[in-house]
Amino acid sequence: MSQKLSPFGHWLSKSTAGQLVSFFVITPIGAFIPLPGVILIFIWKRLIKLPFSELGLSKPSSWIKVFLIGIPTGIFLKLFFKSVVMTLLGAEPTNTNFQFLEDNLTAALSLSLFVIVSAGFGEEVLFRGFVYTRLQKWLGESMKANLMIVTLGSVIFGHPHIYQGVHGAIHATLVGMIIGIIYYVNKRNLWLLIVLHASFDLISIYLIYHGLEEAVASFFF
């Protein structure tokens, strides 16, 4: 970093205590309320003069590719987990926390906008852009270290979803592992995952709104 850091920025960036304080303040806040977490990340980023590329927010080589891959992958993952994975794990076919969305266009559209910003963008910046890269800084970049990071990051990602029950937390953890692996394979570029995550959540809302959850959950079994 060529820019001179303030004393506080230097402490956050260079000292072990500052790095740990940053991680253990930002992560739990962002895990439960992503947008304030993202704001804290951007403040932290500015204080330590971190480029956006270090958060995975560098410009992709092709925006068309991001959307052409991200959207169908997100939809496929949701349908696969709903119809196969969660059914085999014995999950309920419907998500009782969000049944208010059925035939409620205003609520469905409002939540759709919210998940694009909060989940698609916010959670990916937090859990992959921030948590993943901070753990990688401490644990290293070997294959073994990245496997540990993906696993630990997925557990951190899944824990806040416990409000959806044990199966909801398991579901989020498993999806988080897949997204973490894609992040690693995709050379730590977040935009594909942001589109994928938003598509995953939007198809979830679509299924609930149209009352299709049970039909999808029982499609194979």
C-alpha atoms as a PDB file:
ATOM      1  CA  MET A   1       0.000   0.000   0.000  1.00  0.00           C
ATOM      2  CA  SER A   2       1.632   3.202  -1.146  1.00  0.00           C
ATOM      3  CA  GLN A   3      -0.714   5.576   0.678  1.00  0.00           C
ATOM      4  CA  LYS A   4       0.234   6.573   4.178  1.00  0.00           C
ATOM      5  CA  LEU A   5      -1.972   5.110   6.893  1.00  0.00           C
ATOM      6  CA  SER A   6      -3.304   7.034   9.850  1.00  0.00           C
ATOM      7  CA  PRO A   7      -2.168   5.740  13.264  1.00  0.00           C
ATOM      8  CA  PHE A   8      -5.543   4.042  13.727  1.00  0.00           C
ATOM      9  CA  GLY A   9      -5.454   2.622  10.203  1.00  0.00           C
ATOM     10  CA  HIS A  10      -1.945   1.335  10.806  1.00  0.00           C
ATOM     11  CA  TRP A  11      -3.098  -0.357  14.014  1.00  0.00           C
ATOM     12  CA  LEU A  12      -6.060  -1.984  12.241  1.00  0.00           C
ATOM     13  CA  SER A  13      -3.924  -3.146   9.340  1.00  0.00           C
ATOM     14  CA  LYS A  14      -0.604  -4.107  10.872  1.00  0.00           C
ATOM     15  CA  SER A  15      -1.186  -5.216  14.443  1.00  0.00           C
ATOM     16  CA  THR A  16      -2.606  -8.592  15.393  1.00  0.00           C
ATOM     17  CA  ALA A  17      -4.911  -6.938  17.917  1.00  0.00           C
ATOM     18  CA  GLY A  18      -6.260  -4.514  15.306  1.00  0.00           C
ATOM     19  CA  GLN A  19      -6.881  -7.291  12.804  1.00  0.00           C
ATOM     20  CA  LEU A  20      -8.700  -9.403  15.388  1.00  0.00           C
ATOM     21  CA  VAL A  21     -10.810  -6.465  16.604  1.00  0.00           C
ATOM     22  CA  SER A  22     -11.797  -5.691  13.005  1.00  0.00           C
ATOM     23  CA  PHE A  23     -12.765  -9.296  12.355  1.00  0.00           C
ATOM     24  CA  PHE A  24     -14.679  -9.905  15.580  1.00  0.00           C
ATOM     25  CA  VAL A  25     -16.553  -6.598  15.423  1.00  0.00           C
ATOM     26  CA  ILE A  26     -17.508  -6.575  11.749  1.00  0.00           C
ATOM     27  CA  THR A  27     -18.287 -10.294  11.286  1.00  0.00           C
ATOM     28  CA  PRO A  28     -21.008 -10.775  13.950  1.00  0.00           C
ATOM     29  CA  ILE A  29     -22.675  -7.458  13.110  1.00  0.00           C
ATOM     30  CA  GLY A  30     -22.712  -8.236   9.401  1.00  0.00           C
ATOM     31  CA  ALA A  31     -23.775 -11.844   9.938  1.00  0.00           C
ATOM     32  CA  PHE A  32     -27.094 -10.770  11.448  1.00  0.00           C
ATOM     33  CA  ILE A  33     -27.575  -7.375   9.736  1.00  0.00           C
ATOM     34  CA  PRO A  34     -25.560  -7.446   6.470  1.00  0.00           C
ATOM     35  CA  LEU A  35     -25.918  -3.856   5.284  1.00  0.00           C
ATOM     36  CA  PRO A  36     -24.473  -2.234   8.437  1.00  0.00           C
ATOM     37  CA  GLY A  37     -21.747  -4.856   8.208  1.00  0.00           C
ATOM     38  CA  VAL A  38     -20.954  -3.787   4.644  1.00  0.00           C
ATOM     39  CA  ILE A  39     -20.817  -0.141   5.722  1.00  0.00           C
ATOM     40  CA  LEU A  40     -18.331  -1.090   8.440  1.00  0.00           C
ATOM     41  CA  ILE A  41     -16.282  -3.062   5.897  1.00  0.00           C
ATOM     42  CA  PHE A  42     -16.080  -0.049   3.581  1.00  0.00           C
ATOM     43  CA  ILE A  43     -15.076   2.203   6.487  1.00  0.00           C
ATOM     44  CA  TRP A  44     -12.432  -0.366   7.508  1.00  0.00           C
ATOM     45  CA  LYS A  45     -11.285  -0.636   3.886  1.00  0.00           C
ATOM     46  CA  ARG A  46     -10.845   3.131   3.672  1.00  0.00           C
ATOM     47  CA  LEU A  47      -8.950   3.294   6.965  1.00  0.00           C
ATOM     48  CA  ILE A  48      -6.421   0.662   5.907  1.00  0.00           C
ATOM     49  CA  LYS A  49      -6.274   1.854   2.247  1.00  0.00           C
ATOM     50  CA  LEU A  50      -7.364  -1.531   0.910  1.00  0.00           C
ATOM     51  CA  PRO A  51      -8.198  -1.682  -2.818  1.00  0.00           C
ATOM     52  CA  PHE A  52     -11.614  -2.991  -3.859  1.00  0.00           C
ATOM     53  CA  SER A  53      -9.906  -5.887  -5.629  1.00  0.00           C
ATOM     54  CA  GLU A  54      -8.863  -7.269  -2.224  1.00  0.00           C
ATOM     55  CA  LEU A  55     -12.563  -7.631  -1.387  1.00  0.00           C
ATOM     56  CA  GLY A  56     -13.245  -9.450  -4.645  1.00  0.00           C
ATOM     57  CA  LEU A  57     -14.857  -6.405  -6.238  1.00  0.00           C
ATOM     58  CA  SER A  58     -12.541  -5.998  -9.192  1.00  0.00           C
ATOM     59  CA  LYS A  59     -14.175  -5.608 -12.601  1.00  0.00           C
ATOM     60  CA  PRO A  60     -14.913  -9.005 -14.165  1.00  0.00           C
ATOM     61  CA  SER A  61     -13.500  -9.851 -17.567  1.00  0.00           C
ATOM     62  CA  SER A  62     -17.043 -10.124 -18.937  1.00  0.00           C
ATOM     63  CA  TRP A  63     -20.264  -8.858 -17.352  1.00  0.00           C
ATOM     64  CA  ILE A  64     -22.255 -10.926 -19.843  1.00  0.00           C
ATOM     65  CA  LYS A  65     -20.494 -14.067 -18.639  1.00  0.00           C
ATOM     66  CA  VAL A  66     -21.222 -13.144 -15.012  1.00  0.00           C
ATOM     67  CA  PHE A  67     -24.963 -12.991 -15.670  1.00  0.00           C
ATOM     68  CA  LEU A  68     -25.118 -15.898 -18.125  1.00  0.00           C
ATOM     69  CA  ILE A  69     -23.417 -18.183 -15.598  1.00  0.00           C
ATOM     70  CA  GLY A  70     -24.589 -16.652 -12.321  1.00  0.00           C
ATOM     71  CA  ILE A  71     -28.340 -16.596 -12.935  1.00  0.00           C
ATOM     72  CA  PRO A  72     -28.861 -20.201 -14.144  1.00  0.00           C
ATOM     73  CA  THR A  73     -26.378 -21.538 -11.571  1.00  0.00           C
ATOM     74  CA  GLY A  74     -28.246 -19.821  -8.746  1.00  0.00           C
ATOM     75  CA  ILE A  75     -31.589 -21.139 -10.002  1.00  0.00           C
ATOM     76  CA  PHE A  76     -30.208 -24.665 -10.459  1.00  0.00           C
ATOM     77  CA  LEU A  77     -28.692 -24.726  -6.982  1.00  0.00           C
ATOM     78  CA  LYS A  78     -31.960 -23.654  -5.375  1.00  0.00           C
ATOM     79  CA  LEU A  79     -34.028 -26.226  -7.255  1.00  0.00           C
ATOM     80  CA  PHE A  80     -31.459 -28.974  -6.602  1.00  0.00           C
ATOM     81  CA  PHE A  81     -31.314 -28.257  -2.881  1.00  0.00           C
ATOM     82  CA  LYS A  82     -35.085 -27.978  -2.626  1.00  0.00           C
ATOM     83  CA  SER A  83     -35.933 -31.102  -4.585  1.00  0.00           C
ATOM     84  CA  VAL A  84     -33.021 -33.363  -3.631  1.00  0.00           C
ATOM     85  CA  VAL A  85     -30.674 -32.330  -0.829  1.00  0.00           C
ATOM     86  CA  MET A  86     -33.090 -30.935   1.746  1.00  0.00           C
ATOM     87  CA  THR A  87     -35.708 -33.585   0.984  1.00  0.00           C
ATOM     88  CA  LEU A  88     -33.144 -36.317   1.683  1.00  0.00           C
ATOM     89  CA  LEU A  89     -32.186 -34.539   4.906  1.00  0.00           C
ATOM     90  CA  GLY A  90     -35.820 -34.633   6.026  1.00  0.00           C
ATOM     91  CA  ALA A  91     -36.545 -30.900   5.849  1.00  0.00           C
ATOM     92  CA  GLU A  92     -40.106 -29.614   5.746  1.00  0.00           C
ATOM     93  CA  PRO A  93     -41.222 -28.899   2.164  1.00  0.00           C
ATOM     94  CA  THR A  94     -42.184 -25.302   2.968  1.00  0.00           C
ATOM     95  CA  ASN A  95     -40.309 -22.513   4.693  1.00  0.00           C
ATOM     96  CA  THR A  96     -42.760 -21.445   7.379  1.00  0.00           C
ATOM     97  CA  ASN A  97     -40.879 -18.205   8.047  1.00  0.00           C
ATOM     98  CA  PHE A  98     -41.814 -16.798   4.664  1.00  0.00           C
ATOM     99  CA  GLN A  99     -45.298 -18.108   3.947  1.00  0.00           C
ATOM    100  CA  PHE A 100     -46.618 -14.551   4.198  1.00  0.00           C
ATOM    101  CA  LEU A 101     -45.181 -14.094   0.694  1.00  0.00           C
ATOM    102  CA  GLU A 102     -47.675 -16.444  -0.951  1.00  0.00           C
ATOM    103  CA  ASP A 103     -49.934 -14.456  -3.295  1.00  0.00           C
ATOM    104  CA  ASN A 104     -48.649 -11.257  -1.657  1.00  0.00           C
ATOM    105  CA  LEU A 105     -47.164  -9.305  -4.562  1.00  0.00           C
ATOM    106  CA  THR A 106     -46.187  -6.231  -2.561  1.00  0.00           C
ATOM    107  CA  ALA A 107     -44.331  -8.283   0.042  1.00  0.00           C
ATOM    108  CA  ALA A 108     -42.678 -10.466  -2.618  1.00  0.00           C
ATOM    109  CA  LEU A 109     -41.420  -7.491  -4.616  1.00  0.00           C
ATOM    110  CA  SER A 110     -40.236  -5.669  -1.503  1.00  0.00           C
ATOM    111  CA  LEU A 111     -38.357  -8.709  -0.227  1.00  0.00           C
ATOM    112  CA  SER A 112     -36.923  -9.324  -3.700  1.00  0.00           C
ATOM    113  CA  LEU A 113     -35.338  -5.888  -3.730  1.00  0.00           C
ATOM    114  CA  PHE A 114     -34.099  -6.394  -0.183  1.00  0.00           C
ATOM    115  CA  VAL A 115     -32.429  -9.757  -0.887  1.00  0.00           C
ATOM    116  CA  ILE A 116     -30.667  -8.440  -3.989  1.00  0.00           C
ATOM    117  CA  VAL A 117     -29.018  -5.708  -1.924  1.00  0.00           C
ATOM    118  CA  SER A 118     -28.734  -7.331   1.502  1.00  0.00           C
ATOM    119  CA  ALA A 119     -28.170 -10.989   0.665  1.00  0.00           C
ATOM    120  CA  GLY A 120     -26.795 -10.933  -2.871  1.00  0.00           C
ATOM    121  CA  PHE A 121     -24.441  -8.022  -2.389  1.00  0.00           C
ATOM    122  CA  GLY A 122     -24.204  -7.620   1.393  1.00  0.00           C
ATOM    123  CA  GLU A 123     -23.688 -11.226   2.443  1.00  0.00           C
ATOM    124  CA  GLU A 124     -21.195 -11.914  -0.337  1.00  0.00           C
ATOM    125  CA  VAL A 125     -19.104  -8.848   0.494  1.00  0.00           C
ATOM    126  CA  LEU A 126     -19.131  -9.914   4.141  1.00  0.00           C
ATOM    127  CA  PHE A 127     -18.709 -13.692   4.031  1.00  0.00           C
ATOM    128  CA  ARG A 128     -16.557 -14.056   0.943  1.00  0.00           C
ATOM    129  CA  GLY A 129     -15.018 -10.614   0.387  1.00  0.00           C
ATOM    130  CA  PHE A 130     -14.204  -9.942   4.053  1.00  0.00           C
ATOM    131  CA  VAL A 131     -14.334 -13.146   6.118  1.00  0.00           C
ATOM    132  CA  TYR A 132     -12.717 -15.378   3.482  1.00  0.00           C
ATOM    133  CA  THR A 133      -9.878 -12.973   2.725  1.00  0.00           C
ATOM    134  CA  ARG A 134      -9.192 -12.240   6.420  1.00  0.00           C
ATOM    135  CA  LEU A 135      -9.008 -15.953   7.218  1.00  0.00           C
ATOM    136  CA  GLN A 136      -6.801 -16.494   4.195  1.00  0.00           C
ATOM    137  CA  LYS A 137      -4.449 -13.793   5.442  1.00  0.00           C
ATOM    138  CA  TRP A 138      -4.051 -15.679   8.712  1.00  0.00           C
ATOM    139  CA  LEU A 139      -4.209 -19.292   7.546  1.00  0.00           C
ATOM    140  CA  GLY A 140      -2.425 -19.009   4.219  1.00  0.00           C
ATOM    141  CA  GLU A 141      -3.321 -19.890   0.630  1.00  0.00           C
ATOM    142  CA  SER A 142      -2.555 -23.604   0.458  1.00  0.00           C
ATOM    143  CA  MET A 143      -5.246 -26.052  -0.640  1.00  0.00           C
ATOM    144  CA  LYS A 144      -5.577 -27.314   2.937  1.00  0.00           C
ATOM    145  CA  ALA A 145      -5.911 -23.766   4.262  1.00  0.00           C
ATOM    146  CA  ASN A 146      -8.550 -22.887   1.681  1.00  0.00           C
ATOM    147  CA  LEU A 147     -10.526 -26.017   2.563  1.00  0.00           C
ATOM    148  CA  MET A 148     -10.463 -24.955   6.214  1.00  0.00           C
ATOM    149  CA  ILE A 149     -11.477 -21.406   5.265  1.00  0.00           C
ATOM    150  CA  VAL A 150     -14.394 -22.567   3.119  1.00  0.00           C
ATOM    151  CA  THR A 151     -15.608 -24.864   5.910  1.00  0.00           C
ATOM    152  CA  LEU A 152     -15.250 -22.310   8.695  1.00  0.00           C
ATOM    153  CA  GLY A 153     -16.703 -19.497   6.589  1.00  0.00           C
ATOM    154  CA  SER A 154     -19.688 -21.676   5.690  1.00  0.00           C
ATOM    155  CA  VAL A 155     -20.412 -22.419   9.352  1.00  0.00           C
ATOM    156  CA  ILE A 156     -20.240 -18.689  10.130  1.00  0.00           C
ATOM    157  CA  PHE A 157     -22.570 -18.059   7.192  1.00  0.00           C
ATOM    158  CA  GLY A 158     -25.008 -20.778   8.227  1.00  0.00           C
ATOM    159  CA  HIS A 159     -25.283 -19.852  11.900  1.00  0.00           C
ATOM    160  CA  PRO A 160     -27.416 -16.679  11.487  1.00  0.00           C
ATOM    161  CA  HIS A 161     -29.950 -18.730   9.504  1.00  0.00           C
ATOM    162  CA  ILE A 162     -30.844 -20.737  12.603  1.00  0.00           C
ATOM    163  CA  TYR A 163     -34.024 -18.640  12.831  1.00  0.00           C
ATOM    164  CA  GLN A 164     -35.228 -20.871   9.983  1.00  0.00           C
ATOM    165  CA  GLY A 165     -34.665 -23.937  12.159  1.00  0.00           C
ATOM    166  CA  VAL A 166     -31.886 -26.518  12.170  1.00  0.00           C
ATOM    167  CA  HIS A 167     -32.540 -27.492   8.561  1.00  0.00           C
ATOM    168  CA  GLY A 168     -32.415 -23.833   7.554  1.00  0.00           C
ATOM    169  CA  ALA A 169     -28.986 -23.462   9.132  1.00  0.00           C
ATOM    170  CA  ILE A 170     -27.766 -26.705   7.524  1.00  0.00           C
ATOM    171  CA  HIS A 171     -29.120 -25.568   4.170  1.00  0.00           C
ATOM    172  CA  ALA A 172     -27.292 -22.218   4.409  1.00  0.00           C
ATOM    173  CA  THR A 173     -24.065 -23.910   5.527  1.00  0.00           C
ATOM    174  CA  LEU A 174     -24.042 -26.350   2.620  1.00  0.00           C
ATOM    175  CA  VAL A 175     -24.870 -23.640   0.100  1.00  0.00           C
ATOM    176  CA  GLY A 176     -22.166 -21.481   1.669  1.00  0.00           C
ATOM    177  CA  MET A 177     -19.630 -24.251   1.100  1.00  0.00           C
ATOM    178  CA  ILE A 178     -20.504 -24.457  -2.574  1.00  0.00           C
ATOM    179  CA  ILE A 179     -20.340 -20.680  -2.964  1.00  0.00           C
ATOM    180  CA  GLY A 180     -17.009 -20.621  -1.117  1.00  0.00           C
ATOM    181  CA  ILE A 181     -15.560 -23.216  -3.483  1.00  0.00           C
ATOM    182  CA  ILE A 182     -16.796 -21.228  -6.488  1.00  0.00           C
ATOM    183  CA  TYR A 183     -15.196 -18.105  -5.012  1.00  0.00           C
ATOM    184  CA  TYR A 184     -11.866 -19.908  -4.751  1.00  0.00           C
ATOM    185  CA  VAL A 185     -12.092 -21.404  -8.249  1.00  0.00           C
ATOM    186  CA  ASN A 186     -13.243 -18.062  -9.689  1.00  0.00           C
ATOM    187  CA  LYS A 187     -10.050 -16.406  -8.409  1.00  0.00           C
ATOM    188  CA  ARG A 188     -11.812 -14.486  -5.660  1.00  0.00           C
ATOM    189  CA  ASN A 189     -14.049 -12.364  -7.873  1.00  0.00           C
ATOM    190  CA  LEU A 190     -17.328 -11.644  -6.116  1.00  0.00           C
ATOM    191  CA  TRP A 191     -19.562 -10.466  -8.940  1.00  0.00           C
ATOM    192  CA  LEU A 192     -20.452 -13.947 -10.173  1.00  0.00           C
ATOM    193  CA  LEU A 193     -21.370 -14.952  -6.614  1.00  0.00           C
ATOM    194  CA  ILE A 194     -23.416 -11.808  -6.052  1.00  0.00           C
ATOM    195  CA  VAL A 195     -25.521 -12.604  -9.124  1.00  0.00           C
ATOM    196  CA  LEU A 196     -25.688 -16.300  -8.191  1.00  0.00           C
ATOM    197  CA  HIS A 197     -26.736 -15.572  -4.597  1.00  0.00           C
ATOM    198  CA  ALA A 198     -29.360 -13.037  -5.635  1.00  0.00           C
ATOM    199  CA  SER A 199     -30.774 -15.471  -8.222  1.00  0.00           C
ATOM    200  CA  PHE A 200     -30.882 -18.242  -5.607  1.00  0.00           C
ATOM    201  CA  ASP A 201     -32.905 -16.088  -3.225  1.00  0.00           C
ATOM    202  CA  LEU A 202     -35.145 -14.655  -5.938  1.00  0.00           C
ATOM    203  CA  ILE A 203     -36.183 -18.101  -7.162  1.00  0.00           C
ATOM    204  CA  SER A 204     -36.883 -18.996  -3.527  1.00  0.00           C
ATOM    205  CA  ILE A 205     -39.279 -16.052  -3.291  1.00  0.00           C
ATOM    206  CA  TYR A 206     -40.836 -17.011  -6.638  1.00  0.00           C
ATOM    207  CA  LEU A 207     -41.559 -20.557  -5.442  1.00  0.00           C
ATOM    208  CA  ILE A 208     -43.160 -19.331  -2.218  1.00  0.00           C
ATOM    209  CA  TYR A 209     -45.194 -16.621  -3.937  1.00  0.00           C
ATOM    210  CA  HIS A 210     -46.670 -19.109  -6.399  1.00  0.00           C
ATOM    211  CA  GLY A 211     -47.127 -21.862  -3.790  1.00  0.00           C
ATOM    212  CA  LEU A 212     -44.745 -24.209  -5.585  1.00  0.00           C
ATOM    213  CA  GLU A 213     -42.495 -25.263  -2.716  1.00  0.00           C
ATOM    214  CA  GLU A 214     -44.198 -28.589  -1.995  1.00  0.00           C
ATOM    215  CA  ALA A 215     -44.360 -29.517  -5.666  1.00  0.00           C
ATOM    216  CA  VAL A 216     -40.635 -28.870  -6.118  1.00  0.00           C
ATOM    217  CA  ALA A 217     -39.699 -30.600  -2.830  1.00  0.00           C
ATOM    218  CA  SER A 218     -41.577 -33.755  -3.874  1.00  0.00           C
ATOM    219  CA  PHE A 219     -40.516 -33.704  -7.526  1.00  0.00           C
ATOM    220  CA  PHE A 220     -38.107 -36.664  -7.204  1.00  0.00           C
ATOM    221  CA  PHE A 221     -39.112 -38.291  -3.913  1.00  0.00           C
END
